[in-house]
Amino acid sequence: MSASSASPSSAMRRAWMAVLAHTPRAELEAALSHALEGARPPEFDWLRPPETGLAMVRGRVGGSGDAFNLGEATVTRATLRLRNEGGVTPVGVACHLGRDRRRAELAALADALLQLPEHAHLHGRLIEPLAAQLAAQRAARRQEAASTRVEFFTMVRGD
């Protein structure tokens, strides 16, 4: 399915999963605890417990040319299903770079909770602050990189 034909709900889920994948464990744990207001997370069953493996990273010549295998990256993924007596049992999925199994568990749990209608408030309490924090970090990195930019020019000598 292409990005242009995706429904708003799948685009929204893709956006929050990107935020969860880029958030460090300590920040994710604190934000999830704050968003749940100290309540205990719901029970769940593992469909795929956190597991670490390798994924091939591909690049493109010149950014848009032929694809080539750049190397392998360590990836951790997890899939769980909430135990919900209401009939709806959302499946939470997480995948991120690195070997942190707890982070994958937290991200999968957050993904599942965000799919429940009764937890609609979690988006504002969990995803929006984390997204703002990630955007601020990206802006700071961009500004730091821009400050080291060097522009070269050639002076033409007269004939």
Protein backbone atom coordinates (compact mmCIF):
# COMPACT_ATOMS: atom_id res chain seq x y z
CA MET A 1 0.00 0.00 0.00
CA SER A 2 1.42 3.36 -0.93
CA ALA A 3 1.57 6.28 1.46
CA SER A 4 -0.87 8.27 -0.64
CA SER A 5 -3.59 5.58 -0.43
CA ALA A 6 -3.21 5.04 3.33
CA SER A 7 -6.15 5.93 5.51
CA PRO A 8 -5.68 8.71 8.09
CA SER A 9 -5.70 6.18 10.93
CA SER A 10 -2.86 4.15 9.42
CA ALA A 11 -0.90 7.32 8.68
CA MET A 12 -1.45 8.45 12.26
CA ARG A 13 -0.32 5.06 13.58
CA ARG A 14 2.75 5.14 11.34
CA ALA A 15 3.60 8.59 12.77
CA TRP A 16 3.29 7.52 16.42
CA MET A 17 5.25 4.33 15.76
CA ALA A 18 8.07 6.45 14.31
CA VAL A 19 8.08 8.56 17.48
CA LEU A 20 8.13 5.42 19.67
CA ALA A 21 10.97 3.92 17.60
CA HIS A 22 13.17 7.01 18.04
CA THR A 23 12.53 7.62 21.74
CA PRO A 24 15.15 6.31 24.22
CA ARG A 25 13.95 3.79 26.82
CA ALA A 26 14.24 6.02 29.89
CA GLU A 27 12.18 8.77 28.27
CA LEU A 28 9.64 6.29 26.93
CA GLU A 29 9.26 4.60 30.31
CA ALA A 30 8.80 7.93 32.12
CA ALA A 31 6.35 9.27 29.52
CA LEU A 32 4.27 6.09 29.50
CA SER A 33 4.11 6.04 33.30
CA HIS A 34 3.07 9.71 33.31
CA ALA A 35 0.49 9.17 30.54
CA LEU A 36 -1.07 6.24 32.43
CA GLU A 37 -1.14 8.47 35.53
CA GLY A 38 0.57 5.87 37.68
CA ALA A 39 -1.98 3.16 36.83
CA ARG A 40 -0.68 -0.31 36.18
CA PRO A 41 -0.34 -1.17 32.48
CA PRO A 42 -2.93 -3.68 31.25
CA GLU A 43 -2.21 -7.39 30.93
CA PHE A 44 -1.04 -8.66 27.57
CA ASP A 45 0.05 -11.83 25.79
CA TRP A 46 3.17 -12.03 23.68
CA LEU A 47 2.64 -12.86 20.03
CA ARG A 48 6.36 -12.34 19.45
CA PRO A 49 8.45 -11.63 22.56
CA PRO A 50 11.25 -9.08 22.15
CA GLU A 51 13.92 -10.54 19.92
CA THR A 52 17.09 -9.08 18.50
CA GLY A 53 18.35 -9.73 15.00
CA LEU A 54 19.97 -8.11 12.02
CA ALA A 55 18.45 -6.13 9.19
CA MET A 56 20.16 -5.21 5.95
CA VAL A 57 20.58 -1.46 5.50
CA ARG A 58 20.40 -0.35 1.88
CA GLY A 59 21.60 2.84 0.31
CA ARG A 60 21.28 4.51 -3.07
CA VAL A 61 24.07 5.86 -5.22
CA GLY A 62 23.79 9.63 -5.10
CA GLY A 63 20.66 9.36 -2.96
CA SER A 64 18.41 8.40 -5.88
CA GLY A 65 20.42 6.02 -8.06
CA ASP A 66 20.94 2.27 -7.96
CA ALA A 67 20.39 0.54 -4.62
CA PHE A 68 23.25 -1.25 -2.88
CA ASN A 69 23.68 -3.12 0.42
CA LEU A 70 25.39 -0.80 2.86
CA GLY A 71 25.66 -3.19 5.81
CA GLU A 72 23.70 -4.75 8.64
CA ALA A 73 22.12 -3.09 11.67
CA THR A 74 20.99 -4.63 14.95
CA VAL A 75 17.20 -4.43 15.33
CA THR A 76 14.88 -5.44 18.18
CA ARG A 77 11.22 -6.15 17.56
CA ALA A 78 8.23 -7.25 19.60
CA THR A 79 4.53 -7.93 19.10
CA LEU A 80 1.90 -8.25 21.81
CA ARG A 81 -1.88 -8.44 22.18
CA LEU A 82 -3.71 -6.74 25.01
CA ARG A 83 -6.08 -8.78 27.15
CA ASN A 84 -9.27 -6.81 26.81
CA GLU A 85 -12.67 -8.08 27.89
CA GLY A 86 -14.40 -5.45 25.76
CA GLY A 87 -13.98 -7.57 22.64
CA VAL A 88 -11.35 -5.37 20.99
CA THR A 89 -7.90 -6.84 21.44
CA PRO A 90 -5.42 -4.51 19.73
CA VAL A 91 -2.05 -5.79 18.64
CA GLY A 92 0.95 -3.63 19.49
CA VAL A 93 4.08 -3.77 17.35
CA ALA A 94 7.52 -2.27 17.94
CA CYS A 95 10.75 -2.27 16.00
CA HIS A 96 13.82 -0.15 16.70
CA LEU A 97 17.55 -0.05 16.16
CA GLY A 98 19.60 -1.56 18.96
CA ARG A 99 19.31 -4.38 21.48
CA ASP A 100 17.01 -2.92 24.15
CA ARG A 101 14.27 -5.50 24.75
CA ARG A 102 12.50 -3.46 27.43
CA ARG A 103 12.25 -0.52 25.05
CA ALA A 104 10.60 -2.77 22.45
CA GLU A 105 8.14 -4.01 25.08
CA LEU A 106 7.24 -0.46 26.12
CA ALA A 107 6.83 0.72 22.53
CA ALA A 108 4.62 -2.27 21.62
CA LEU A 109 2.50 -1.69 24.74
CA ALA A 110 2.13 2.01 23.89
CA ASP A 111 1.18 1.15 20.31
CA ALA A 112 -1.54 -1.24 21.50
CA LEU A 113 -2.90 1.24 24.06
CA LEU A 114 -3.03 4.06 21.52
CA GLN A 115 -5.35 1.93 19.35
CA LEU A 116 -8.00 1.67 22.08
CA PRO A 117 -10.77 4.28 21.88
CA GLU A 118 -10.83 4.65 25.68
CA HIS A 119 -7.15 5.63 25.61
CA ALA A 120 -7.50 8.39 23.00
CA HIS A 121 -6.10 10.88 25.54
CA LEU A 122 -2.76 9.02 25.43
CA HIS A 123 -1.87 10.58 22.10
CA GLY A 124 -1.81 14.04 23.64
CA ARG A 125 -0.13 12.90 26.84
CA LEU A 126 2.43 10.52 25.33
CA ILE A 127 3.11 11.01 21.62
CA GLU A 128 2.83 14.78 21.28
CA PRO A 129 5.38 15.61 24.03
CA LEU A 130 7.79 12.95 22.76
CA ALA A 131 7.40 14.17 19.16
CA ALA A 132 8.06 17.76 20.24
CA GLN A 133 11.15 16.66 22.14
CA LEU A 134 12.47 14.69 19.14
CA ALA A 135 11.80 17.66 16.83
CA ALA A 136 13.72 19.97 19.16
CA GLN A 137 16.65 17.55 19.23
CA ARG A 138 16.65 17.32 15.41
CA ALA A 139 16.55 21.12 15.11
CA ALA A 140 19.49 21.45 17.51
CA ARG A 141 21.50 18.89 15.49
CA ARG A 142 20.64 20.68 12.25
CA GLN A 143 21.70 24.03 13.71
CA GLU A 144 24.94 22.54 15.02
CA ALA A 145 25.70 21.02 11.62
CA ALA A 146 24.85 24.27 9.85
CA SER A 147 27.28 26.18 12.07
CA THR A 148 30.15 24.03 10.78
CA ARG A 149 29.24 24.50 7.12
CA VAL A 150 32.03 25.77 4.93
CA GLU A 151 31.36 27.43 1.60
CA PHE A 152 34.04 27.29 -1.03
CA PHE A 153 34.33 29.66 -3.92
CA THR A 154 36.76 30.21 -6.75
CA MET A 155 38.26 33.55 -7.55
CA VAL A 156 38.93 34.25 -11.18
CA ARG A 157 42.22 35.88 -12.03
CA GLY A 158 42.30 38.50 -14.71
CA ASP A 159 43.84 37.64 -18.07
